[in-house]
Amino acid sequence: MSDGKHIIAATWPPRPEKFPDLMTSIEAAMYLRLDEIGQSQKQALRNLKFWRDRGELRATRYVRNVWFLRSQLDKFLENKTEI
């Protein structure tokens, strides 16, 4: 399946042992553990876009793709932390 920009698989890819500093949207969703809370890849990509559109999550547009820096994902999580 495709949403026009991403090829969306029926199942999530294997979780990497170590996430890279620059991640694809799918890797970013997995880093945020959206795969572990039962979201489909399509739902996870929608959430990433929603947070980007609201200015809550910063991304990098490079070579016609959207990438996420691990440091920005960590800041996003830090801002979401209530305690």
PDB file of N, CA and C in Angstrom:
ATOM      1  N   MET A   1       0.846  -1.163   0.000  1.00  0.00           N
ATOM      2  CA  MET A   1       0.000   0.000   0.000  1.00  0.00           C
ATOM      3  C   MET A   1       0.898   1.234   0.000  1.00  0.00           C
ATOM      4  N   SER A   2       0.389   2.349  -0.543  1.00  0.00           N
ATOM      5  CA  SER A   2       1.149   3.586  -0.608  1.00  0.00           C
ATOM      6  C   SER A   2       0.233   4.747  -0.260  1.00  0.00           C
ATOM      7  N   ASP A   3       0.767   5.768   0.403  1.00  0.00           N
ATOM      8  CA  ASP A   3      -0.007   6.979   0.666  1.00  0.00           C
ATOM      9  C   ASP A   3       0.426   8.095  -0.279  1.00  0.00           C
ATOM     10  N   GLY A   4       1.104   7.740  -1.353  1.00  0.00           N
ATOM     11  CA  GLY A   4       1.578   8.712  -2.315  1.00  0.00           C
ATOM     12  C   GLY A   4       3.039   9.068  -2.137  1.00  0.00           C
ATOM     13  N   LYS A   5       3.503   9.023  -0.908  1.00  0.00           N
ATOM     14  CA  LYS A   5       4.898   9.357  -0.623  1.00  0.00           C
ATOM     15  C   LYS A   5       5.656   8.199   0.008  1.00  0.00           C
ATOM     16  N   HIS A   6       4.953   7.387   0.767  1.00  0.00           N
ATOM     17  CA  HIS A   6       5.573   6.277   1.487  1.00  0.00           C
ATOM     18  C   HIS A   6       4.940   4.969   1.040  1.00  0.00           C
ATOM     19  N   ILE A   7       5.722   3.946   1.001  1.00  0.00           N
ATOM     20  CA  ILE A   7       5.167   2.612   0.804  1.00  0.00           C
ATOM     21  C   ILE A   7       4.858   2.086   2.196  1.00  0.00           C
ATOM     22  N   ILE A   8       3.600   1.787   2.426  1.00  0.00           N
ATOM     23  CA  ILE A   8       3.164   1.367   3.751  1.00  0.00           C
ATOM     24  C   ILE A   8       2.950  -0.136   3.736  1.00  0.00           C
ATOM     25  N   ALA A   9       3.729  -0.827   4.527  1.00  0.00           N
ATOM     26  CA  ALA A   9       3.638  -2.280   4.608  1.00  0.00           C
ATOM     27  C   ALA A   9       2.535  -2.672   5.587  1.00  0.00           C
ATOM     28  N   ALA A  10       2.079  -3.889   5.457  1.00  0.00           N
ATOM     29  CA  ALA A  10       1.044  -4.399   6.354  1.00  0.00           C
ATOM     30  C   ALA A  10       1.583  -4.581   7.771  1.00  0.00           C
ATOM     31  N   THR A  11       2.861  -4.856   7.887  1.00  0.00           N
ATOM     32  CA  THR A  11       3.474  -5.035   9.202  1.00  0.00           C
ATOM     33  C   THR A  11       4.670  -4.101   9.335  1.00  0.00           C
ATOM     34  N   TRP A  12       5.026  -3.830  10.564  1.00  0.00           N
ATOM     35  CA  TRP A  12       6.178  -2.971  10.838  1.00  0.00           C
ATOM     36  C   TRP A  12       7.467  -3.728  10.520  1.00  0.00           C
ATOM     37  N   PRO A  13       8.503  -3.019  10.094  1.00  0.00           N
ATOM     38  CA  PRO A  13       9.802  -3.675   9.886  1.00  0.00           C
ATOM     39  C   PRO A  13      10.406  -4.063  11.231  1.00  0.00           C
ATOM     40  N   PRO A  14      11.432  -4.889  11.231  1.00  0.00           N
ATOM     41  CA  PRO A  14      12.084  -5.240  12.498  1.00  0.00           C
ATOM     42  C   PRO A  14      12.646  -3.991  13.180  1.00  0.00           C
ATOM     43  N   ARG A  15      12.541  -3.973  14.494  1.00  0.00           N
ATOM     44  CA  ARG A  15      13.063  -2.843  15.281  1.00  0.00           C
ATOM     45  C   ARG A  15      14.590  -2.888  15.267  1.00  0.00           C
ATOM     46  N   PRO A  16      15.236  -1.765  14.926  1.00  0.00           N
ATOM     47  CA  PRO A  16      16.709  -1.761  14.917  1.00  0.00           C
ATOM     48  C   PRO A  16      17.268  -1.852  16.332  1.00  0.00           C
ATOM     49  N   GLU A  17      18.441  -2.417  16.454  1.00  0.00           N
ATOM     50  CA  GLU A  17      19.096  -2.471  17.767  1.00  0.00           C
ATOM     51  C   GLU A  17      19.470  -1.075  18.231  1.00  0.00           C
ATOM     52  N   LYS A  18      19.909  -0.249  17.281  1.00  0.00           N
ATOM     53  CA  LYS A  18      20.268   1.134  17.588  1.00  0.00           C
ATOM     54  C   LYS A  18      19.696   2.016  16.485  1.00  0.00           C
ATOM     55  N   PHE A  19      19.001   3.072  16.885  1.00  0.00           N
ATOM     56  CA  PHE A  19      18.422   3.976  15.907  1.00  0.00           C
ATOM     57  C   PHE A  19      19.479   4.964  15.425  1.00  0.00           C
ATOM     58  N   PRO A  20      19.465   5.305  14.123  1.00  0.00           N
ATOM     59  CA  PRO A  20      20.441   6.255  13.589  1.00  0.00           C
ATOM     60  C   PRO A  20      20.127   7.684  14.049  1.00  0.00           C
ATOM     61  N   ASP A  21      21.069   8.591  13.858  1.00  0.00           N
ATOM     62  CA  ASP A  21      20.854   9.994  14.220  1.00  0.00           C
ATOM     63  C   ASP A  21      19.876  10.687  13.275  1.00  0.00           C
ATOM     64  N   LEU A  22      19.788  10.212  12.044  1.00  0.00           N
ATOM     65  CA  LEU A  22      18.867  10.748  11.047  1.00  0.00           C
ATOM     66  C   LEU A  22      17.929   9.615  10.633  1.00  0.00           C
ATOM     67  N   MET A  23      16.619   9.801  10.882  1.00  0.00           N
ATOM     68  CA  MET A  23      15.670   8.704  10.690  1.00  0.00           C
ATOM     69  C   MET A  23      14.616   9.016   9.643  1.00  0.00           C
ATOM     70  N   THR A  24      14.161   7.965   8.990  1.00  0.00           N
ATOM     71  CA  THR A  24      13.002   8.070   8.110  1.00  0.00           C
ATOM     72  C   THR A  24      11.756   8.237   8.982  1.00  0.00           C
ATOM     73  N   SER A  25      10.637   8.512   8.348  1.00  0.00           N
ATOM     74  CA  SER A  25       9.388   8.651   9.099  1.00  0.00           C
ATOM     75  C   SER A  25       9.024   7.360   9.831  1.00  0.00           C
ATOM     76  N   ILE A  26       9.216   6.229   9.181  1.00  0.00           N
ATOM     77  CA  ILE A  26       8.900   4.943   9.815  1.00  0.00           C
ATOM     78  C   ILE A  26       9.825   4.701  11.007  1.00  0.00           C
ATOM     79  N   GLU A  27      11.117   4.966  10.838  1.00  0.00           N
ATOM     80  CA  GLU A  27      12.056   4.799  11.954  1.00  0.00           C
ATOM     81  C   GLU A  27      11.701   5.742  13.098  1.00  0.00           C
ATOM     82  N   ALA A  28      11.315   6.977  12.768  1.00  0.00           N
ATOM     83  CA  ALA A  28      10.932   7.941  13.806  1.00  0.00           C
ATOM     84  C   ALA A  28       9.702   7.452  14.567  1.00  0.00           C
ATOM     85  N   ALA A  29       8.731   6.918  13.849  1.00  0.00           N
ATOM     86  CA  ALA A  29       7.535   6.381  14.503  1.00  0.00           C
ATOM     87  C   ALA A  29       7.900   5.231  15.434  1.00  0.00           C
ATOM     88  N   MET A  30       8.821   4.393  14.994  1.00  0.00           N
ATOM     89  CA  MET A  30       9.261   3.278  15.835  1.00  0.00           C
ATOM     90  C   MET A  30      10.054   3.797  17.035  1.00  0.00           C
ATOM     91  N   TYR A  31      10.871   4.826  16.833  1.00  0.00           N
ATOM     92  CA  TYR A  31      11.635   5.424  17.932  1.00  0.00           C
ATOM     93  C   TYR A  31      10.681   5.960  19.004  1.00  0.00           C
ATOM     94  N   LEU A  32       9.559   6.541  18.558  1.00  0.00           N
ATOM     95  CA  LEU A  32       8.546   7.040  19.490  1.00  0.00           C
ATOM     96  C   LEU A  32       7.637   5.926  20.002  1.00  0.00           C
ATOM     97  N   ARG A  33       7.889   4.707  19.562  1.00  0.00           N
ATOM     98  CA  ARG A  33       7.196   3.491  19.981  1.00  0.00           C
ATOM     99  C   ARG A  33       5.729   3.451  19.578  1.00  0.00           C
ATOM    100  N   LEU A  34       5.411   4.146  18.498  1.00  0.00           N
ATOM    101  CA  LEU A  34       4.035   4.117  18.014  1.00  0.00           C
ATOM    102  C   LEU A  34       3.653   2.731  17.524  1.00  0.00           C
ATOM    103  N   ASP A  35       4.647   1.962  17.094  1.00  0.00           N
ATOM    104  CA  ASP A  35       4.384   0.582  16.671  1.00  0.00           C
ATOM    105  C   ASP A  35       4.001  -0.298  17.848  1.00  0.00           C
ATOM    106  N   GLU A  36       4.517   0.020  19.031  1.00  0.00           N
ATOM    107  CA  GLU A  36       4.273  -0.817  20.211  1.00  0.00           C
ATOM    108  C   GLU A  36       2.941  -0.523  20.891  1.00  0.00           C
ATOM    109  N   ILE A  37       2.314   0.597  20.530  1.00  0.00           N
ATOM    110  CA  ILE A  37       1.024   0.914  21.150  1.00  0.00           C
ATOM    111  C   ILE A  37      -0.143   0.583  20.224  1.00  0.00           C
ATOM    112  N   GLY A  38       0.155  -0.168  19.164  1.00  0.00           N
ATOM    113  CA  GLY A  38      -0.895  -0.692  18.306  1.00  0.00           C
ATOM    114  C   GLY A  38      -1.274   0.168  17.115  1.00  0.00           C
ATOM    115  N   GLN A  39      -0.515   1.225  16.848  1.00  0.00           N
ATOM    116  CA  GLN A  39      -0.835   2.034  15.677  1.00  0.00           C
ATOM    117  C   GLN A  39      -0.335   1.359  14.409  1.00  0.00           C
ATOM    118  N   SER A  40      -1.106   1.504  13.350  1.00  0.00           N
ATOM    119  CA  SER A  40      -0.639   1.034  12.046  1.00  0.00           C
ATOM    120  C   SER A  40       0.389   2.038  11.532  1.00  0.00           C
ATOM    121  N   GLN A  41       1.116   1.656  10.500  1.00  0.00           N
ATOM    122  CA  GLN A  41       2.084   2.591   9.924  1.00  0.00           C
ATOM    123  C   GLN A  41       1.376   3.837   9.399  1.00  0.00           C
ATOM    124  N   LYS A  42       0.216   3.658   8.805  1.00  0.00           N
ATOM    125  CA  LYS A  42      -0.536   4.794   8.266  1.00  0.00           C
ATOM    126  C   LYS A  42      -0.939   5.757   9.382  1.00  0.00           C
ATOM    127  N   GLN A  43      -1.427   5.225  10.495  1.00  0.00           N
ATOM    128  CA  GLN A  43      -1.799   6.068  11.635  1.00  0.00           C
ATOM    129  C   GLN A  43      -0.579   6.793  12.191  1.00  0.00           C
ATOM    130  N   ALA A  44       0.533   6.084  12.292  1.00  0.00           N
ATOM    131  CA  ALA A  44       1.752   6.672  12.841  1.00  0.00           C
ATOM    132  C   ALA A  44       2.255   7.813  11.957  1.00  0.00           C
ATOM    133  N   LEU A  45       2.231   7.616  10.639  1.00  0.00           N
ATOM    134  CA  LEU A  45       2.661   8.675   9.724  1.00  0.00           C
ATOM    135  C   LEU A  45       1.734   9.884   9.815  1.00  0.00           C
ATOM    136  N   ARG A  46       0.444   9.640   9.997  1.00  0.00           N
ATOM    137  CA  ARG A  46      -0.507  10.746  10.181  1.00  0.00           C
ATOM    138  C   ARG A  46      -0.199  11.523  11.459  1.00  0.00           C
ATOM    139  N   ASN A  47       0.126  10.792  12.528  1.00  0.00           N
ATOM    140  CA  ASN A  47       0.461  11.459  13.786  1.00  0.00           C
ATOM    141  C   ASN A  47       1.722  12.300  13.651  1.00  0.00           C
ATOM    142  N   LEU A  48       2.747  11.760  13.001  1.00  0.00           N
ATOM    143  CA  LEU A  48       3.975  12.532  12.800  1.00  0.00           C
ATOM    144  C   LEU A  48       3.676  13.817  12.031  1.00  0.00           C
ATOM    145  N   LYS A  49       2.862  13.714  10.984  1.00  0.00           N
ATOM    146  CA  LYS A  49       2.505  14.896  10.196  1.00  0.00           C
ATOM    147  C   LYS A  49       1.697  15.885  11.040  1.00  0.00           C
ATOM    148  N   PHE A  50       0.779  15.396  11.837  1.00  0.00           N
ATOM    149  CA  PHE A  50      -0.026  16.245  12.718  1.00  0.00           C
ATOM    150  C   PHE A  50       0.876  17.034  13.665  1.00  0.00           C
ATOM    151  N   TRP A  51       1.820  16.353  14.311  1.00  0.00           N
ATOM    152  CA  TRP A  51       2.723  17.029  15.247  1.00  0.00           C
ATOM    153  C   TRP A  51       3.625  18.025  14.528  1.00  0.00           C
ATOM    154  N   ARG A  52       4.061  17.685  13.311  1.00  0.00           N
ATOM    155  CA  ARG A  52       4.869  18.617  12.509  1.00  0.00           C
ATOM    156  C   ARG A  52       4.056  19.850  12.141  1.00  0.00           C
ATOM    157  N   ASP A  53       2.830  19.642  11.676  1.00  0.00           N
ATOM    158  CA  ASP A  53       1.971  20.756  11.267  1.00  0.00           C
ATOM    159  C   ASP A  53       1.661  21.693  12.430  1.00  0.00           C
ATOM    160  N   ARG A  54       1.572  21.157  13.624  1.00  0.00           N
ATOM    161  CA  ARG A  54       1.312  21.977  14.818  1.00  0.00           C
ATOM    162  C   ARG A  54       2.575  22.633  15.360  1.00  0.00           C
ATOM    163  N   GLY A  55       3.719  22.273  14.802  1.00  0.00           N
ATOM    164  CA  GLY A  55       4.977  22.851  15.266  1.00  0.00           C
ATOM    165  C   GLY A  55       5.539  22.186  16.507  1.00  0.00           C
ATOM    166  N   GLU A  56       4.975  21.045  16.881  1.00  0.00           N
ATOM    167  CA  GLU A  56       5.436  20.334  18.072  1.00  0.00           C
ATOM    168  C   GLU A  56       6.655  19.469  17.791  1.00  0.00           C
ATOM    169  N   LEU A  57       6.806  19.049  16.548  1.00  0.00           N
ATOM    170  CA  LEU A  57       7.893  18.154  16.163  1.00  0.00           C
ATOM    171  C   LEU A  57       8.567  18.720  14.921  1.00  0.00           C
ATOM    172  N   ARG A  58       9.859  18.947  15.023  1.00  0.00           N
ATOM    173  CA  ARG A  58      10.609  19.498  13.896  1.00  0.00           C
ATOM    174  C   ARG A  58      11.188  18.371  13.055  1.00  0.00           C
ATOM    175  N   ALA A  59      11.149  18.582  11.754  1.00  0.00           N
ATOM    176  CA  ALA A  59      11.693  17.605  10.812  1.00  0.00           C
ATOM    177  C   ALA A  59      12.619  18.330   9.843  1.00  0.00           C
ATOM    178  N   THR A  60      13.364  17.545   9.086  1.00  0.00           N
ATOM    179  CA  THR A  60      14.296  18.071   8.100  1.00  0.00           C
ATOM    180  C   THR A  60      13.864  17.589   6.725  1.00  0.00           C
ATOM    181  N   ARG A  61      13.664  18.514   5.816  1.00  0.00           N
ATOM    182  CA  ARG A  61      13.338  18.128   4.439  1.00  0.00           C
ATOM    183  C   ARG A  61      14.646  18.130   3.666  1.00  0.00           C
ATOM    184  N   TYR A  62      14.998  16.966   3.126  1.00  0.00           N
ATOM    185  CA  TYR A  62      16.277  16.793   2.443  1.00  0.00           C
ATOM    186  C   TYR A  62      16.109  15.731   1.366  1.00  0.00           C
ATOM    187  N   VAL A  63      16.581  16.009   0.182  1.00  0.00           N
ATOM    188  CA  VAL A  63      16.508  15.087  -0.957  1.00  0.00           C
ATOM    189  C   VAL A  63      15.070  14.572  -1.145  1.00  0.00           C
ATOM    190  N   ARG A  64      14.132  15.499  -1.173  1.00  0.00           N
ATOM    191  CA  ARG A  64      12.714  15.199  -1.412  1.00  0.00           C
ATOM    192  C   ARG A  64      12.068  14.296  -0.366  1.00  0.00           C
ATOM    193  N   ASN A  65      12.681  14.160   0.760  1.00  0.00           N
ATOM    194  CA  ASN A  65      12.123  13.327   1.826  1.00  0.00           C
ATOM    195  C   ASN A  65      12.089  14.103   3.127  1.00  0.00           C
ATOM    196  N   VAL A  66      11.273  13.628   4.036  1.00  0.00           N
ATOM    197  CA  VAL A  66      11.220  14.187   5.383  1.00  0.00           C
ATOM    198  C   VAL A  66      11.993  13.253   6.293  1.00  0.00           C
ATOM    199  N   TRP A  67      12.927  13.821   7.016  1.00  0.00           N
ATOM    200  CA  TRP A  67      13.779  13.068   7.937  1.00  0.00           C
ATOM    201  C   TRP A  67      13.619  13.643   9.335  1.00  0.00           C
ATOM    202  N   PHE A  68      13.914  12.841  10.324  1.00  0.00           N
ATOM    203  CA  PHE A  68      13.824  13.281  11.710  1.00  0.00           C
ATOM    204  C   PHE A  68      15.167  13.066  12.393  1.00  0.00           C
ATOM    205  N   LEU A  69      15.652  14.128  13.019  1.00  0.00           N
ATOM    206  CA  LEU A  69      16.873  14.011  13.810  1.00  0.00           C
ATOM    207  C   LEU A  69      16.511  13.408  15.162  1.00  0.00           C
ATOM    208  N   ARG A  70      17.328  12.499  15.626  1.00  0.00           N
ATOM    209  CA  ARG A  70      17.068  11.880  16.929  1.00  0.00           C
ATOM    210  C   ARG A  70      16.989  12.943  18.018  1.00  0.00           C
ATOM    211  N   SER A  71      17.836  13.961  17.933  1.00  0.00           N
ATOM    212  CA  SER A  71      17.827  15.025  18.943  1.00  0.00           C
ATOM    213  C   SER A  71      16.478  15.757  18.964  1.00  0.00           C
ATOM    214  N   GLN A  72      15.847  15.938  17.796  1.00  0.00           N
ATOM    215  CA  GLN A  72      14.535  16.585  17.748  1.00  0.00           C
ATOM    216  C   GLN A  72      13.442  15.673  18.312  1.00  0.00           C
ATOM    217  N   LEU A  73      13.558  14.388  18.069  1.00  0.00           N
ATOM    218  CA  LEU A  73      12.598  13.441  18.645  1.00  0.00           C
ATOM    219  C   LEU A  73      12.727  13.408  20.163  1.00  0.00           C
ATOM    220  N   ASP A  74      13.961  13.481  20.660  1.00  0.00           N
ATOM    221  CA  ASP A  74      14.175  13.517  22.109  1.00  0.00           C
ATOM    222  C   ASP A  74      13.589  14.792  22.718  1.00  0.00           C
ATOM    223  N   LYS A  75      13.752  15.937  22.042  1.00  0.00           N
ATOM    224  CA  LYS A  75      13.164  17.196  22.523  1.00  0.00           C
ATOM    225  C   LYS A  75      11.642  17.107  22.533  1.00  0.00           C
ATOM    226  N   PHE A  76      11.085  16.505  21.494  1.00  0.00           N
ATOM    227  CA  PHE A  76       9.638  16.322  21.420  1.00  0.00           C
ATOM    228  C   PHE A  76       9.149  15.515  22.622  1.00  0.00           C
ATOM    229  N   LEU A  77       9.827  14.410  22.911  1.00  0.00           N
ATOM    230  CA  LEU A  77       9.440  13.581  24.054  1.00  0.00           C
ATOM    231  C   LEU A  77       9.607  14.335  25.367  1.00  0.00           C
ATOM    232  N   GLU A  78      10.674  15.102  25.471  1.00  0.00           N
ATOM    233  CA  GLU A  78      10.916  15.887  26.685  1.00  0.00           C
ATOM    234  C   GLU A  78       9.779  16.891  26.898  1.00  0.00           C
ATOM    235  N   ASN A  79       9.330  17.529  25.825  1.00  0.00           N
ATOM    236  CA  ASN A  79       8.226  18.495  25.925  1.00  0.00           C
ATOM    237  C   ASN A  79       6.903  17.821  26.261  1.00  0.00           C
ATOM    238  N   LYS A  80       6.749  16.552  25.920  1.00  0.00           N
ATOM    239  CA  LYS A  80       5.524  15.809  26.221  1.00  0.00           C
ATOM    240  C   LYS A  80       5.528  15.232  27.639  1.00  0.00           C
ATOM    241  N   THR A  81       6.682  15.268  28.285  1.00  0.00           N
ATOM    242  CA  THR A  81       6.806  14.689  29.622  1.00  0.00           C
ATOM    243  C   THR A  81       6.092  15.570  30.640  1.00  0.00           C
ATOM    244  N   GLU A  82       5.214  14.976  31.419  1.00  0.00           N
ATOM    245  CA  GLU A  82       4.423  15.722  32.397  1.00  0.00           C
ATOM    246  C   GLU A  82       5.083  15.800  33.762  1.00  0.00           C
ATOM    247  N   ILE A  83       5.907  14.852  34.073  1.00  0.00           N
ATOM    248  CA  ILE A  83       6.487  14.806  35.424  1.00  0.00           C
ATOM    249  C   ILE A  83       7.871  15.393  35.415  1.00  0.00           C
TER     250      ILE A  83
END
